[in-house]
Amino acid sequence: MKDKIQTIANKARALWNRVKNAVMALPAVLAGALVPVSANRMKLAVANRRAEGFIDTAVKVLMAVVIGALVLAGLYLLFKDTILPELTRRIQEMFNYTGG
């Protein structure tokens, strides 16, 4: 019985050592796997010849600003001419309620 317990303990120690060594080696394995991917991404970015440059980005930003300004102007006109007068009228009616 004592021999069986000793055998199980030895197997557990061996398993623990293998797990510990694998965990200790994991950062090195991951670093080795990630570095070539990063190098490949850098090479692809440098070799990329798409027309995504400063001018394209500036045009996109300008379009977004103009569209945003138009939306805000439309909302302002909608609130100024339609919503605020109706809201004002309803609030005045609510406070001028005579109970009749």
PDB file of N, CA and C in Angstrom:
ATOM      1  N   MET A   1       0.822  -1.182   0.000  1.00  0.00           N
ATOM      2  CA  MET A   1       0.000   0.000   0.000  1.00  0.00           C
ATOM      3  C   MET A   1       0.870   1.251   0.000  1.00  0.00           C
ATOM      4  N   LYS A   2       1.942   1.214   0.803  1.00  0.00           N
ATOM      5  CA  LYS A   2       2.841   2.343   0.882  1.00  0.00           C
ATOM      6  C   LYS A   2       3.516   2.580  -0.457  1.00  0.00           C
ATOM      7  N   ASP A   3       3.840   1.515  -1.174  1.00  0.00           N
ATOM      8  CA  ASP A   3       4.481   1.647  -2.484  1.00  0.00           C
ATOM      9  C   ASP A   3       3.530   2.302  -3.488  1.00  0.00           C
ATOM     10  N   LYS A   4       2.250   1.947  -3.438  1.00  0.00           N
ATOM     11  CA  LYS A   4       1.267   2.543  -4.348  1.00  0.00           C
ATOM     12  C   LYS A   4       1.122   4.045  -4.086  1.00  0.00           C
ATOM     13  N   ILE A   5       1.076   4.406  -2.821  1.00  0.00           N
ATOM     14  CA  ILE A   5       0.978   5.825  -2.476  1.00  0.00           C
ATOM     15  C   ILE A   5       2.220   6.570  -2.946  1.00  0.00           C
ATOM     16  N   GLN A   6       3.394   5.946  -2.764  1.00  0.00           N
ATOM     17  CA  GLN A   6       4.647   6.561  -3.207  1.00  0.00           C
ATOM     18  C   GLN A   6       4.648   6.709  -4.726  1.00  0.00           C
ATOM     19  N   THR A   7       4.145   5.732  -5.456  1.00  0.00           N
ATOM     20  CA  THR A   7       4.079   5.791  -6.918  1.00  0.00           C
ATOM     21  C   THR A   7       3.143   6.909  -7.370  1.00  0.00           C
ATOM     22  N   ILE A   8       1.994   7.018  -6.728  1.00  0.00           N
ATOM     23  CA  ILE A   8       1.051   8.089  -7.070  1.00  0.00           C
ATOM     24  C   ILE A   8       1.666   9.449  -6.780  1.00  0.00           C
ATOM     25  N   ALA A   9       2.357   9.577  -5.663  1.00  0.00           N
ATOM     26  CA  ALA A   9       3.005  10.842  -5.319  1.00  0.00           C
ATOM     27  C   ALA A   9       4.075  11.197  -6.337  1.00  0.00           C
ATOM     28  N   ASN A  10       4.859  10.208  -6.756  1.00  0.00           N
ATOM     29  CA  ASN A  10       5.899  10.462  -7.764  1.00  0.00           C
ATOM     30  C   ASN A  10       5.284  10.890  -9.100  1.00  0.00           C
ATOM     31  N   LYS A  11       4.187  10.250  -9.490  1.00  0.00           N
ATOM     32  CA  LYS A  11       3.515  10.633 -10.733  1.00  0.00           C
ATOM     33  C   LYS A  11       2.958  12.047 -10.635  1.00  0.00           C
ATOM     34  N   ALA A  12       2.403  12.379  -9.465  1.00  0.00           N
ATOM     35  CA  ALA A  12       1.875  13.725  -9.278  1.00  0.00           C
ATOM     36  C   ALA A  12       2.990  14.763  -9.349  1.00  0.00           C
ATOM     37  N   ARG A  13       4.154  14.456  -8.724  1.00  0.00           N
ATOM     38  CA  ARG A  13       5.297  15.376  -8.797  1.00  0.00           C
ATOM     39  C   ARG A  13       5.790  15.534 -10.230  1.00  0.00           C
ATOM     40  N   ALA A  14       5.854  14.440 -10.956  1.00  0.00           N
ATOM     41  CA  ALA A  14       6.303  14.498 -12.349  1.00  0.00           C
ATOM     42  C   ALA A  14       5.335  15.321 -13.200  1.00  0.00           C
ATOM     43  N   LEU A  15       4.048  15.122 -12.978  1.00  0.00           N
ATOM     44  CA  LEU A  15       3.052  15.896 -13.711  1.00  0.00           C
ATOM     45  C   LEU A  15       3.154  17.373 -13.362  1.00  0.00           C
ATOM     46  N   TRP A  16       3.327  17.654 -12.071  1.00  0.00           N
ATOM     47  CA  TRP A  16       3.467  19.035 -11.634  1.00  0.00           C
ATOM     48  C   TRP A  16       4.692  19.687 -12.272  1.00  0.00           C
ATOM     49  N   ASN A  17       5.788  18.976 -12.330  1.00  0.00           N
ATOM     50  CA  ASN A  17       6.997  19.529 -12.941  1.00  0.00           C
ATOM     51  C   ASN A  17       6.801  19.786 -14.432  1.00  0.00           C
ATOM     52  N   ARG A  18       6.105  18.881 -15.123  1.00  0.00           N
ATOM     53  CA  ARG A  18       5.854  19.095 -16.555  1.00  0.00           C
ATOM     54  C   ARG A  18       4.960  20.314 -16.772  1.00  0.00           C
ATOM     55  N   VAL A  19       3.929  20.445 -15.939  1.00  0.00           N
ATOM     56  CA  VAL A  19       3.031  21.603 -16.062  1.00  0.00           C
ATOM     57  C   VAL A  19       3.788  22.889 -15.758  1.00  0.00           C
ATOM     58  N   LYS A  20       4.598  22.870 -14.706  1.00  0.00           N
ATOM     59  CA  LYS A  20       5.361  24.058 -14.324  1.00  0.00           C
ATOM     60  C   LYS A  20       6.330  24.446 -15.435  1.00  0.00           C
ATOM     61  N   ASN A  21       7.015  23.487 -16.036  1.00  0.00           N
ATOM     62  CA  ASN A  21       7.943  23.786 -17.121  1.00  0.00           C
ATOM     63  C   ASN A  21       7.209  24.327 -18.351  1.00  0.00           C
ATOM     64  N   ALA A  22       6.029  23.769 -18.613  1.00  0.00           N
ATOM     65  CA  ALA A  22       5.256  24.249 -19.763  1.00  0.00           C
ATOM     66  C   ALA A  22       4.786  25.676 -19.543  1.00  0.00           C
ATOM     67  N   VAL A  23       4.337  25.980 -18.314  1.00  0.00           N
ATOM     68  CA  VAL A  23       3.891  27.334 -18.002  1.00  0.00           C
ATOM     69  C   VAL A  23       5.058  28.307 -18.053  1.00  0.00           C
ATOM     70  N   MET A  24       6.208  27.905 -17.566  1.00  0.00           N
ATOM     71  CA  MET A  24       7.387  28.778 -17.590  1.00  0.00           C
ATOM     72  C   MET A  24       7.858  29.033 -19.023  1.00  0.00           C
ATOM     73  N   ALA A  25       7.684  28.055 -19.908  1.00  0.00           N
ATOM     74  CA  ALA A  25       8.129  28.206 -21.287  1.00  0.00           C
ATOM     75  C   ALA A  25       7.101  28.922 -22.153  1.00  0.00           C
ATOM     76  N   LEU A  26       5.873  29.097 -21.656  1.00  0.00           N
ATOM     77  CA  LEU A  26       4.794  29.693 -22.444  1.00  0.00           C
ATOM     78  C   LEU A  26       5.100  31.113 -22.925  1.00  0.00           C
ATOM     79  N   PRO A  27       5.606  32.027 -22.085  1.00  0.00           N
ATOM     80  CA  PRO A  27       5.902  33.369 -22.609  1.00  0.00           C
ATOM     81  C   PRO A  27       6.913  33.356 -23.753  1.00  0.00           C
ATOM     82  N   ALA A  28       7.912  32.501 -23.654  1.00  0.00           N
ATOM     83  CA  ALA A  28       8.905  32.429 -24.726  1.00  0.00           C
ATOM     84  C   ALA A  28       8.284  31.900 -26.011  1.00  0.00           C
ATOM     85  N   VAL A  29       7.408  30.925 -25.884  1.00  0.00           N
ATOM     86  CA  VAL A  29       6.746  30.374 -27.070  1.00  0.00           C
ATOM     87  C   VAL A  29       5.833  31.419 -27.687  1.00  0.00           C
ATOM     88  N   LEU A  30       5.072  32.109 -26.846  1.00  0.00           N
ATOM     89  CA  LEU A  30       4.172  33.139 -27.367  1.00  0.00           C
ATOM     90  C   LEU A  30       4.959  34.283 -27.995  1.00  0.00           C
ATOM     91  N   ALA A  31       6.037  34.700 -27.362  1.00  0.00           N
ATOM     92  CA  ALA A  31       6.841  35.773 -27.930  1.00  0.00           C
ATOM     93  C   ALA A  31       7.420  35.354 -29.268  1.00  0.00           C
ATOM     94  N   GLY A  32       7.865  34.129 -29.371  1.00  0.00           N
ATOM     95  CA  GLY A  32       8.404  33.633 -30.633  1.00  0.00           C
ATOM     96  C   GLY A  32       7.333  33.544 -31.706  1.00  0.00           C
ATOM     97  N   ALA A  33       6.101  33.255 -31.300  1.00  0.00           N
ATOM     98  CA  ALA A  33       5.017  33.159 -32.274  1.00  0.00           C
ATOM     99  C   ALA A  33       4.507  34.537 -32.672  1.00  0.00           C
ATOM    100  N   LEU A  34       4.575  35.509 -31.765  1.00  0.00           N
ATOM    101  CA  LEU A  34       4.036  36.830 -32.062  1.00  0.00           C
ATOM    102  C   LEU A  34       4.997  37.713 -32.830  1.00  0.00           C
ATOM    103  N   VAL A  35       6.268  37.556 -32.639  1.00  0.00           N
ATOM    104  CA  VAL A  35       7.241  38.427 -33.309  1.00  0.00           C
ATOM    105  C   VAL A  35       7.188  38.272 -34.817  1.00  0.00           C
ATOM    106  N   PRO A  36       7.159  37.062 -35.372  1.00  0.00           N
ATOM    107  CA  PRO A  36       7.078  36.979 -36.832  1.00  0.00           C
ATOM    108  C   PRO A  36       5.782  37.561 -37.379  1.00  0.00           C
ATOM    109  N   VAL A  37       4.670  37.416 -36.638  1.00  0.00           N
ATOM    110  CA  VAL A  37       3.409  37.990 -37.097  1.00  0.00           C
ATOM    111  C   VAL A  37       3.523  39.505 -37.153  1.00  0.00           C
ATOM    112  N   SER A  38       4.125  40.105 -36.136  1.00  0.00           N
ATOM    113  CA  SER A  38       4.294  41.551 -36.124  1.00  0.00           C
ATOM    114  C   SER A  38       5.214  41.996 -37.254  1.00  0.00           C
ATOM    115  N   ALA A  39       6.269  41.242 -37.497  1.00  0.00           N
ATOM    116  CA  ALA A  39       7.184  41.582 -38.583  1.00  0.00           C
ATOM    117  C   ALA A  39       6.477  41.488 -39.931  1.00  0.00           C
ATOM    118  N   ASN A  40       5.645  40.446 -40.096  1.00  0.00           N
ATOM    119  CA  ASN A  40       4.892  40.319 -41.340  1.00  0.00           C
ATOM    120  C   ASN A  40       3.906  41.465 -41.511  1.00  0.00           C
ATOM    121  N   ARG A  41       3.257  41.870 -40.432  1.00  0.00           N
ATOM    122  CA  ARG A  41       2.322  42.998 -40.518  1.00  0.00           C
ATOM    123  C   ARG A  41       3.051  44.280 -40.894  1.00  0.00           C
ATOM    124  N   MET A  42       4.235  44.487 -40.342  1.00  0.00           N
ATOM    125  CA  MET A  42       4.995  45.691 -40.684  1.00  0.00           C
ATOM    126  C   MET A  42       5.398  45.672 -42.153  1.00  0.00           C
ATOM    127  N   LYS A  43       5.828  44.527 -42.636  1.00  0.00           N
ATOM    128  CA  LYS A  43       6.210  44.422 -44.045  1.00  0.00           C
ATOM    129  C   LYS A  43       5.020  44.704 -44.945  1.00  0.00           C
ATOM    130  N   LEU A  44       3.860  44.159 -44.598  1.00  0.00           N
ATOM    131  CA  LEU A  44       2.664  44.402 -45.400  1.00  0.00           C
ATOM    132  C   LEU A  44       2.254  45.867 -45.364  1.00  0.00           C
ATOM    133  N   ALA A  45       2.366  46.504 -44.214  1.00  0.00           N
ATOM    134  CA  ALA A  45       1.994  47.910 -44.114  1.00  0.00           C
ATOM    135  C   ALA A  45       2.926  48.790 -44.941  1.00  0.00           C
ATOM    136  N   VAL A  46       4.203  48.473 -44.952  1.00  0.00           N
ATOM    137  CA  VAL A  46       5.154  49.262 -45.735  1.00  0.00           C
ATOM    138  C   VAL A  46       4.953  49.023 -47.223  1.00  0.00           C
ATOM    139  N   ALA A  47       4.640  47.800 -47.603  1.00  0.00           N
ATOM    140  CA  ALA A  47       4.473  47.470 -49.020  1.00  0.00           C
ATOM    141  C   ALA A  47       3.088  47.826 -49.551  1.00  0.00           C
ATOM    142  N   ASN A  48       2.188  48.245 -48.673  1.00  0.00           N
ATOM    143  CA  ASN A  48       0.819  48.543 -49.077  1.00  0.00           C
ATOM    144  C   ASN A  48       0.791  49.765 -49.992  1.00  0.00           C
ATOM    145  N   ARG A  49       0.089  49.660 -51.106  1.00  0.00           N
ATOM    146  CA  ARG A  49       0.006  50.769 -52.058  1.00  0.00           C
ATOM    147  C   ARG A  49      -1.428  51.242 -52.238  1.00  0.00           C
ATOM    148  N   ARG A  50      -2.269  51.044 -51.259  1.00  0.00           N
ATOM    149  CA  ARG A  50      -3.635  51.549 -51.346  1.00  0.00           C
ATOM    150  C   ARG A  50      -3.622  53.059 -51.242  1.00  0.00           C
ATOM    151  N   ALA A  51      -4.672  53.689 -51.706  1.00  0.00           N
ATOM    152  CA  ALA A  51      -4.730  55.154 -51.730  1.00  0.00           C
ATOM    153  C   ALA A  51      -5.333  55.707 -50.447  1.00  0.00           C
ATOM    154  N   GLU A  52      -4.976  55.173 -49.347  1.00  0.00           N
ATOM    155  CA  GLU A  52      -5.453  55.668 -48.062  1.00  0.00           C
ATOM    156  C   GLU A  52      -4.401  56.601 -47.501  1.00  0.00           C
ATOM    157  N   GLY A  53      -4.539  57.871 -47.788  1.00  0.00           N
ATOM    158  CA  GLY A  53      -3.524  58.823 -47.353  1.00  0.00           C
ATOM    159  C   GLY A  53      -4.152  59.990 -46.628  1.00  0.00           C
ATOM    160  N   PHE A  54      -3.407  61.077 -46.547  1.00  0.00           N
ATOM    161  CA  PHE A  54      -3.857  62.256 -45.818  1.00  0.00           C
ATOM    162  C   PHE A  54      -5.029  62.937 -46.517  1.00  0.00           C
ATOM    163  N   ILE A  55      -4.998  62.993 -47.839  1.00  0.00           N
ATOM    164  CA  ILE A  55      -6.051  63.683 -48.581  1.00  0.00           C
ATOM    165  C   ILE A  55      -7.384  62.956 -48.407  1.00  0.00           C
ATOM    166  N   ASP A  56      -7.362  61.636 -48.546  1.00  0.00           N
ATOM    167  CA  ASP A  56      -8.593  60.860 -48.380  1.00  0.00           C
ATOM    168  C   ASP A  56      -9.172  61.037 -46.982  1.00  0.00           C
ATOM    169  N   THR A  57      -8.320  60.997 -45.995  1.00  0.00           N
ATOM    170  CA  THR A  57      -8.781  61.158 -44.618  1.00  0.00           C
ATOM    171  C   THR A  57      -9.337  62.552 -44.394  1.00  0.00           C
ATOM    172  N   ALA A  58      -8.682  63.557 -44.945  1.00  0.00           N
ATOM    173  CA  ALA A  58      -9.157  64.929 -44.795  1.00  0.00           C
ATOM    174  C   ALA A  58     -10.520  65.111 -45.457  1.00  0.00           C
ATOM    175  N   VAL A  59     -10.720  64.516 -46.610  1.00  0.00           N
ATOM    176  CA  VAL A  59     -12.016  64.613 -47.293  1.00  0.00           C
ATOM    177  C   VAL A  59     -13.094  63.931 -46.464  1.00  0.00           C
ATOM    178  N   LYS A  60     -12.793  62.783 -45.888  1.00  0.00           N
ATOM    179  CA  LYS A  60     -13.771  62.084 -45.051  1.00  0.00           C
ATOM    180  C   LYS A  60     -14.147  62.922 -43.829  1.00  0.00           C
ATOM    181  N   VAL A  61     -13.161  63.527 -43.196  1.00  0.00           N
ATOM    182  CA  VAL A  61     -13.432  64.358 -42.021  1.00  0.00           C
ATOM    183  C   VAL A  61     -14.271  65.561 -42.412  1.00  0.00           C
ATOM    184  N   LEU A  62     -13.938  66.197 -43.521  1.00  0.00           N
ATOM    185  CA  LEU A  62     -14.690  67.355 -43.987  1.00  0.00           C
ATOM    186  C   LEU A  62     -16.139  66.983 -44.300  1.00  0.00           C
ATOM    187  N   MET A  63     -16.334  65.839 -44.941  1.00  0.00           N
ATOM    188  CA  MET A  63     -17.696  65.386 -45.226  1.00  0.00           C
ATOM    189  C   MET A  63     -18.471  65.143 -43.939  1.00  0.00           C
ATOM    190  N   ALA A  64     -17.845  64.544 -42.961  1.00  0.00           N
ATOM    191  CA  ALA A  64     -18.515  64.286 -41.687  1.00  0.00           C
ATOM    192  C   ALA A  64     -18.904  65.584 -40.995  1.00  0.00           C
ATOM    193  N   VAL A  65     -18.041  66.577 -41.044  1.00  0.00           N
ATOM    194  CA  VAL A  65     -18.335  67.870 -40.410  1.00  0.00           C
ATOM    195  C   VAL A  65     -19.499  68.555 -41.112  1.00  0.00           C
ATOM    196  N   VAL A  66     -19.496  68.554 -42.442  1.00  0.00           N
ATOM    197  CA  VAL A  66     -20.575  69.208 -43.193  1.00  0.00           C
ATOM    198  C   VAL A  66     -21.904  68.506 -42.944  1.00  0.00           C
ATOM    199  N   ILE A  67     -21.906  67.189 -42.996  1.00  0.00           N
ATOM    200  CA  ILE A  67     -23.151  66.451 -42.756  1.00  0.00           C
ATOM    201  C   ILE A  67     -23.650  66.680 -41.334  1.00  0.00           C
ATOM    202  N   GLY A  68     -22.736  66.691 -40.364  1.00  0.00           N
ATOM    203  CA  GLY A  68     -23.125  66.968 -38.982  1.00  0.00           C
ATOM    204  C   GLY A  68     -23.714  68.357 -38.818  1.00  0.00           C
ATOM    205  N   ALA A  69     -23.120  69.351 -39.499  1.00  0.00           N
ATOM    206  CA  ALA A  69     -23.640  70.711 -39.420  1.00  0.00           C
ATOM    207  C   ALA A  69     -25.038  70.792 -40.036  1.00  0.00           C
ATOM    208  N   LEU A  70     -25.249  70.089 -41.147  1.00  0.00           N
ATOM    209  CA  LEU A  70     -26.573  70.097 -41.773  1.00  0.00           C
ATOM    210  C   LEU A  70     -27.619  69.447 -40.869  1.00  0.00           C
ATOM    211  N   VAL A  71     -27.254  68.359 -40.234  1.00  0.00           N
ATOM    212  CA  VAL A  71     -28.191  67.691 -39.318  1.00  0.00           C
ATOM    213  C   VAL A  71     -28.528  68.603 -38.147  1.00  0.00           C
ATOM    214  N   LEU A  72     -27.512  69.258 -37.578  1.00  0.00           N
ATOM    215  CA  LEU A  72     -27.766  70.164 -36.455  1.00  0.00           C
ATOM    216  C   LEU A  72     -28.628  71.348 -36.873  1.00  0.00           C
ATOM    217  N   ALA A  73     -28.387  71.900 -38.062  1.00  0.00           N
ATOM    218  CA  ALA A  73     -29.196  73.021 -38.548  1.00  0.00           C
ATOM    219  C   ALA A  73     -30.646  72.578 -38.743  1.00  0.00           C
ATOM    220  N   GLY A  74     -30.844  71.384 -39.288  1.00  0.00           N
ATOM    221  CA  GLY A  74     -32.205  70.879 -39.458  1.00  0.00           C
ATOM    222  C   GLY A  74     -32.916  70.693 -38.132  1.00  0.00           C
ATOM    223  N   LEU A  75     -32.218  70.142 -37.158  1.00  0.00           N
ATOM    224  CA  LEU A  75     -32.821  69.973 -35.832  1.00  0.00           C
ATOM    225  C   LEU A  75     -33.144  71.316 -35.193  1.00  0.00           C
ATOM    226  N   TYR A  76     -32.259  72.295 -35.367  1.00  0.00           N
ATOM    227  CA  TYR A  76     -32.492  73.625 -34.808  1.00  0.00           C
ATOM    228  C   TYR A  76     -33.751  74.241 -35.417  1.00  0.00           C
ATOM    229  N   LEU A  77     -33.882  74.150 -36.745  1.00  0.00           N
ATOM    230  CA  LEU A  77     -35.075  74.694 -37.387  1.00  0.00           C
ATOM    231  C   LEU A  77     -36.331  73.966 -36.946  1.00  0.00           C
ATOM    232  N   LEU A  78     -36.250  72.667 -36.815  1.00  0.00           N
ATOM    233  CA  LEU A  78     -37.397  71.880 -36.380  1.00  0.00           C
ATOM    234  C   LEU A  78     -37.830  72.277 -34.978  1.00  0.00           C
ATOM    235  N   PHE A  79     -36.879  72.429 -34.076  1.00  0.00           N
ATOM    236  CA  PHE A  79     -37.214  72.808 -32.711  1.00  0.00           C
ATOM    237  C   PHE A  79     -37.709  74.239 -32.645  1.00  0.00           C
ATOM    238  N   LYS A  80     -37.080  75.125 -33.404  1.00  0.00           N
ATOM    239  CA  LYS A  80     -37.416  76.555 -33.341  1.00  0.00           C
ATOM    240  C   LYS A  80     -38.830  76.813 -33.852  1.00  0.00           C
ATOM    241  N   ASP A  81     -39.206  76.213 -34.968  1.00  0.00           N
ATOM    242  CA  ASP A  81     -40.473  76.530 -35.607  1.00  0.00           C
ATOM    243  C   ASP A  81     -41.617  75.606 -35.218  1.00  0.00           C
ATOM    244  N   THR A  82     -41.338  74.395 -34.812  1.00  0.00           N
ATOM    245  CA  THR A  82     -42.412  73.426 -34.608  1.00  0.00           C
ATOM    246  C   THR A  82     -42.540  73.004 -33.151  1.00  0.00           C
ATOM    247  N   ILE A  83     -41.484  72.541 -32.567  1.00  0.00           N
ATOM    248  CA  ILE A  83     -41.573  71.898 -31.255  1.00  0.00           C
ATOM    249  C   ILE A  83     -41.658  72.915 -30.128  1.00  0.00           C
ATOM    250  N   LEU A  84     -40.801  73.936 -30.133  1.00  0.00           N
ATOM    251  CA  LEU A  84     -40.788  74.880 -29.017  1.00  0.00           C
ATOM    252  C   LEU A  84     -42.080  75.681 -28.901  1.00  0.00           C
ATOM    253  N   PRO A  85     -42.662  76.201 -30.001  1.00  0.00           N
ATOM    254  CA  PRO A  85     -43.941  76.917 -29.820  1.00  0.00           C
ATOM    255  C   PRO A  85     -45.053  76.016 -29.271  1.00  0.00           C
ATOM    256  N   GLU A  86     -45.127  74.797 -29.753  1.00  0.00           N
ATOM    257  CA  GLU A  86     -46.153  73.876 -29.250  1.00  0.00           C
ATOM    258  C   GLU A  86     -45.906  73.552 -27.785  1.00  0.00           C
ATOM    259  N   LEU A  87     -44.669  73.338 -27.416  1.00  0.00           N
ATOM    260  CA  LEU A  87     -44.328  73.038 -26.031  1.00  0.00           C
ATOM    261  C   LEU A  87     -44.652  74.233 -25.140  1.00  0.00           C
ATOM    262  N   THR A  88     -44.340  75.429 -25.601  1.00  0.00           N
ATOM    263  CA  THR A  88     -44.636  76.648 -24.839  1.00  0.00           C
ATOM    264  C   THR A  88     -46.143  76.796 -24.644  1.00  0.00           C
ATOM    265  N   ARG A  89     -46.918  76.566 -25.693  1.00  0.00           N
ATOM    266  CA  ARG A  89     -48.373  76.685 -25.605  1.00  0.00           C
ATOM    267  C   ARG A  89     -48.930  75.689 -24.599  1.00  0.00           C
ATOM    268  N   ARG A  90     -48.456  74.464 -24.646  1.00  0.00           N
ATOM    269  CA  ARG A  90     -48.971  73.443 -23.720  1.00  0.00           C
ATOM    270  C   ARG A  90     -48.615  73.745 -22.272  1.00  0.00           C
ATOM    271  N   ILE A  91     -47.416  74.280 -22.050  1.00  0.00           N
ATOM    272  CA  ILE A  91     -47.020  74.611 -20.669  1.00  0.00           C
ATOM    273  C   ILE A  91     -47.855  75.767 -20.149  1.00  0.00           C
ATOM    274  N   GLN A  92     -48.108  76.774 -20.997  1.00  0.00           N
ATOM    275  CA  GLN A  92     -48.939  77.898 -20.565  1.00  0.00           C
ATOM    276  C   GLN A  92     -50.366  77.445 -20.274  1.00  0.00           C
ATOM    277  N   GLU A  93     -50.911  76.557 -21.108  1.00  0.00           N
ATOM    278  CA  GLU A  93     -52.246  76.026 -20.838  1.00  0.00           C
ATOM    279  C   GLU A  93     -52.277  75.252 -19.530  1.00  0.00           C
ATOM    280  N   MET A  94     -51.216  74.550 -19.222  1.00  0.00           N
ATOM    281  CA  MET A  94     -51.173  73.754 -18.009  1.00  0.00           C
ATOM    282  C   MET A  94     -51.153  74.662 -16.767  1.00  0.00           C
ATOM    283  N   PHE A  95     -50.445  75.774 -16.826  1.00  0.00           N
ATOM    284  CA  PHE A  95     -50.375  76.664 -15.667  1.00  0.00           C
ATOM    285  C   PHE A  95     -51.562  77.616 -15.598  1.00  0.00           C
ATOM    286  N   ASN A  96     -52.258  77.822 -16.700  1.00  0.00           N
ATOM    287  CA  ASN A  96     -53.443  78.703 -16.699  1.00  0.00           C
ATOM    288  C   ASN A  96     -54.739  77.906 -16.514  1.00  0.00           C
ATOM    289  N   TYR A  97     -54.641  76.731 -16.042  1.00  0.00           N
ATOM    290  CA  TYR A  97     -55.808  75.853 -15.874  1.00  0.00           C
ATOM    291  C   TYR A  97     -56.704  76.439 -14.788  1.00  0.00           C
ATOM    292  N   THR A  98     -57.963  76.633 -15.120  1.00  0.00           N
ATOM    293  CA  THR A  98     -58.899  77.213 -14.157  1.00  0.00           C
ATOM    294  C   THR A  98     -59.818  76.177 -13.519  1.00  0.00           C
ATOM    295  N   GLY A  99     -59.737  74.982 -13.962  1.00  0.00           N
ATOM    296  CA  GLY A  99     -60.560  73.931 -13.376  1.00  0.00           C
ATOM    297  C   GLY A  99     -61.947  73.852 -13.989  1.00  0.00           C
ATOM    298  N   GLY A 100     -62.152  74.425 -15.134  1.00  0.00           N
ATOM    299  CA  GLY A 100     -63.483  74.479 -15.751  1.00  0.00           C
ATOM    300  C   GLY A 100     -63.695  73.382 -16.665  1.00  0.00           C
TER     301      GLY A 100
END
